[in-house]
Each structure stands twice: as structure tokens, then as C-alpha cells.
């Protein structure tokens, strides 16, 4: 019986083999900016920079938000496509006057 050591993102042996591509998980979106104001009551417009896909096509961006003061006030929204055709999303039904944290993946 052969056993193989577990490793994460170790594709070194494939780099020197012709005809092989290396795959890795895509990076997360970055430079996330959120804006809200009078034109978006109870909403926030988030923009971000699309990440490198590392040869593994991106088919979804996921945005998660949480109210800083009310942990039960949370949600997730997905942007789908191959790759998703947008680098922004409007999150609706937020509570006016509350602070939220947003994360993207």
C-alpha cells in the first residue's frame, strides 16, 4: 500500500513537465469599497477588484455582511457567471444608521 504525504498547494513536480497546467484556488476579490448615502437608503453599493483566478475559473463571488451591533442581522449574496460579469453589487434591506462589516470570497 502506498501513502502520499498531504500538502497544500504543492504543484512543484508539475511545473517542469511539458503540457501540464497548474491549478490553485482563485484569490479573493480585493480593494472592496462600500458606499451608502441618500441615493441608497437602507442599502450599500460594494465595488471590488476581480482577483487572479490561478487557472481555476471563477464561477461565483460571494459577499457576506454582518451588522456590527446585531450579529443576527447578517446575510449573503452570490454573483454567478463564468466569470461573474460584474465587480460590484448593491446590498439591500440594511438597517439605516447601523454599521456593517462586509467580506468577499
C-alpha atoms as a PDB file:
ATOM      1  CA  UNK A   1       0.000   0.000   0.000  1.00  0.00           C
ATOM      2  CA  UNK A   2       1.366   3.380  -0.968  1.00  0.00           C
ATOM      3  CA  UNK A   3       0.740   6.503   1.050  1.00  0.00           C
ATOM      4  CA  UNK A   4       1.063  10.039  -0.180  1.00  0.00           C
ATOM      5  CA  UNK A   5       2.045  12.948   2.021  1.00  0.00           C
ATOM      6  CA  UNK A   6      -0.629  15.603   2.404  1.00  0.00           C
ATOM      7  CA  UNK A   7       0.354  19.017   1.187  1.00  0.00           C
ATOM      8  CA  UNK A   8      -1.416  22.222   0.314  1.00  0.00           C
ATOM      9  CA  UNK A   9      -0.786  23.969  -2.991  1.00  0.00           C
ATOM     10  CA  UNK A  10       2.355  21.991  -3.751  1.00  0.00           C
ATOM     11  CA  UNK A  11       2.450  21.640  -7.516  1.00  0.00           C
ATOM     12  CA  UNK A  12       6.215  21.789  -7.943  1.00  0.00           C
ATOM     13  CA  UNK A  13       6.545  18.456  -9.727  1.00  0.00           C
ATOM     14  CA  UNK A  14       4.154  19.595 -12.475  1.00  0.00           C
ATOM     15  CA  UNK A  15       5.953  22.842 -13.237  1.00  0.00           C
ATOM     16  CA  UNK A  16       8.753  21.145 -15.149  1.00  0.00           C
ATOM     17  CA  UNK A  17       6.508  18.717 -17.034  1.00  0.00           C
ATOM     18  CA  UNK A  18       5.541  19.964 -20.504  1.00  0.00           C
ATOM     19  CA  UNK A  19       1.841  20.007 -21.306  1.00  0.00           C
ATOM     20  CA  UNK A  20       0.646  20.379 -17.710  1.00  0.00           C
ATOM     21  CA  UNK A  21      -1.064  23.374 -16.198  1.00  0.00           C
ATOM     22  CA  UNK A  22      -1.060  24.091 -12.509  1.00  0.00           C
ATOM     23  CA  UNK A  23      -4.301  24.873 -10.732  1.00  0.00           C
ATOM     24  CA  UNK A  24      -4.840  26.543  -7.425  1.00  0.00           C
ATOM     25  CA  UNK A  25      -7.762  28.169  -5.664  1.00  0.00           C
ATOM     26  CA  UNK A  26      -8.587  31.616  -7.043  1.00  0.00           C
ATOM     27  CA  UNK A  27      -7.605  34.589  -4.929  1.00  0.00           C
ATOM     28  CA  UNK A  28     -10.291  36.552  -3.087  1.00  0.00           C
ATOM     29  CA  UNK A  29     -11.619  39.818  -4.528  1.00  0.00           C
ATOM     30  CA  UNK A  30      -9.753  42.795  -3.102  1.00  0.00           C
ATOM     31  CA  UNK A  31      -9.953  46.606  -2.850  1.00  0.00           C
ATOM     32  CA  UNK A  32     -13.506  46.248  -1.558  1.00  0.00           C
ATOM     33  CA  UNK A  33     -15.179  49.643  -1.153  1.00  0.00           C
ATOM     34  CA  UNK A  34     -18.660  50.186   0.251  1.00  0.00           C
ATOM     35  CA  UNK A  35     -20.738  53.319  -0.265  1.00  0.00           C
ATOM     36  CA  UNK A  36     -24.121  54.303   1.034  1.00  0.00           C
ATOM     37  CA  UNK A  37     -25.980  57.557   1.190  1.00  0.00           C
ATOM     38  CA  UNK A  38     -29.190  59.378   0.413  1.00  0.00           C
ATOM     39  CA  UNK A  39     -29.415  57.807  -3.032  1.00  0.00           C
ATOM     40  CA  UNK A  40     -29.261  54.306  -1.494  1.00  0.00           C
ATOM     41  CA  UNK A  41     -31.385  54.313   1.674  1.00  0.00           C
ATOM     42  CA  UNK A  42     -31.133  51.009   3.545  1.00  0.00           C
ATOM     43  CA  UNK A  43     -28.575  49.773   1.014  1.00  0.00           C
ATOM     44  CA  UNK A  44     -24.862  49.752   0.261  1.00  0.00           C
ATOM     45  CA  UNK A  45     -23.067  49.645  -3.083  1.00  0.00           C
ATOM     46  CA  UNK A  46     -19.927  47.477  -2.906  1.00  0.00           C
ATOM     47  CA  UNK A  47     -17.253  47.532  -5.586  1.00  0.00           C
ATOM     48  CA  UNK A  48     -14.172  45.338  -5.723  1.00  0.00           C
ATOM     49  CA  UNK A  49     -11.273  44.332  -7.939  1.00  0.00           C
ATOM     50  CA  UNK A  50     -11.593  40.919  -9.550  1.00  0.00           C
ATOM     51  CA  UNK A  51      -8.858  38.560  -8.359  1.00  0.00           C
ATOM     52  CA  UNK A  52      -6.447  36.335 -10.241  1.00  0.00           C
ATOM     53  CA  UNK A  53      -8.180  33.034 -10.997  1.00  0.00           C
ATOM     54  CA  UNK A  54      -4.934  30.971 -10.800  1.00  0.00           C
ATOM     55  CA  UNK A  55      -6.016  28.871 -13.796  1.00  0.00           C
ATOM     56  CA  UNK A  56      -9.137  27.720 -11.958  1.00  0.00           C
ATOM     57  CA  UNK A  57     -12.049  29.667 -13.487  1.00  0.00           C
ATOM     58  CA  UNK A  58     -14.105  31.781 -11.118  1.00  0.00           C
ATOM     59  CA  UNK A  59     -17.821  30.967 -11.271  1.00  0.00           C
ATOM     60  CA  UNK A  60     -19.058  32.815  -8.179  1.00  0.00           C
ATOM     61  CA  UNK A  61     -18.281  35.763  -5.944  1.00  0.00           C
ATOM     62  CA  UNK A  62     -19.899  35.676  -2.516  1.00  0.00           C
ATOM     63  CA  UNK A  63     -20.491  38.781  -0.389  1.00  0.00           C
ATOM     64  CA  UNK A  64     -21.319  38.339   3.295  1.00  0.00           C
ATOM     65  CA  UNK A  65     -22.372  41.122   5.644  1.00  0.00           C
ATOM     66  CA  UNK A  66     -22.963  41.416   9.383  1.00  0.00           C
ATOM     67  CA  UNK A  67     -24.379  44.256  11.470  1.00  0.00           C
ATOM     68  CA  UNK A  68     -21.653  45.222  13.951  1.00  0.00           C
ATOM     69  CA  UNK A  69     -24.188  45.724  16.777  1.00  0.00           C
ATOM     70  CA  UNK A  70     -26.693  42.973  15.930  1.00  0.00           C
ATOM     71  CA  UNK A  71     -24.984  39.725  14.930  1.00  0.00           C
ATOM     72  CA  UNK A  72     -28.316  38.202  13.841  1.00  0.00           C
ATOM     73  CA  UNK A  73     -28.625  40.932  11.149  1.00  0.00           C
ATOM     74  CA  UNK A  74     -26.498  39.143   8.559  1.00  0.00           C
ATOM     75  CA  UNK A  75     -26.744  37.875   5.018  1.00  0.00           C
ATOM     76  CA  UNK A  76     -25.010  36.510   1.940  1.00  0.00           C
ATOM     77  CA  UNK A  77     -25.403  37.331  -1.722  1.00  0.00           C
ATOM     78  CA  UNK A  78     -23.842  35.423  -4.624  1.00  0.00           C
ATOM     79  CA  UNK A  79     -22.822  36.748  -8.029  1.00  0.00           C
ATOM     80  CA  UNK A  80     -22.731  33.920 -10.563  1.00  0.00           C
ATOM     81  CA  UNK A  81     -21.171  33.505 -14.010  1.00  0.00           C
ATOM     82  CA  UNK A  82     -18.060  32.145 -15.715  1.00  0.00           C
ATOM     83  CA  UNK A  83     -16.572  34.502 -14.690  1.00  0.00           C
ATOM     84  CA  UNK A  84     -19.192  36.671 -12.989  1.00  0.00           C
ATOM     85  CA  UNK A  85     -19.789  39.668 -15.235  1.00  0.00           C
ATOM     86  CA  UNK A  86     -19.688  42.282 -12.523  1.00  0.00           C
ATOM     87  CA  UNK A  87     -17.324  43.732  -9.970  1.00  0.00           C
ATOM     88  CA  UNK A  88     -19.993  45.479  -7.937  1.00  0.00           C
ATOM     89  CA  UNK A  89     -23.168  44.596  -6.073  1.00  0.00           C
ATOM     90  CA  UNK A  90     -25.883  46.504  -4.239  1.00  0.00           C
ATOM     91  CA  UNK A  91     -26.868  45.010  -0.891  1.00  0.00           C
ATOM     92  CA  UNK A  92     -30.452  45.963   0.027  1.00  0.00           C
ATOM     93  CA  UNK A  93     -32.518  45.752   3.229  1.00  0.00           C
ATOM     94  CA  UNK A  94     -29.803  47.009   5.553  1.00  0.00           C
ATOM     95  CA  UNK A  95     -30.809  48.913   8.707  1.00  0.00           C
ATOM     96  CA  UNK A  96     -30.336  52.678   8.433  1.00  0.00           C
ATOM     97  CA  UNK A  97     -27.910  54.157  10.935  1.00  0.00           C
ATOM     98  CA  UNK A  98     -26.160  50.836  11.606  1.00  0.00           C
ATOM     99  CA  UNK A  99     -22.567  49.857  10.889  1.00  0.00           C
ATOM    100  CA  UNK A 100     -21.906  46.702   8.851  1.00  0.00           C
ATOM    101  CA  UNK A 101     -18.842  44.651   8.002  1.00  0.00           C
ATOM    102  CA  UNK A 102     -18.562  43.102   4.536  1.00  0.00           C
ATOM    103  CA  UNK A 103     -16.378  40.282   3.281  1.00  0.00           C
ATOM    104  CA  UNK A 104     -15.915  38.859  -0.197  1.00  0.00           C
ATOM    105  CA  UNK A 105     -14.755  35.488  -1.431  1.00  0.00           C
END
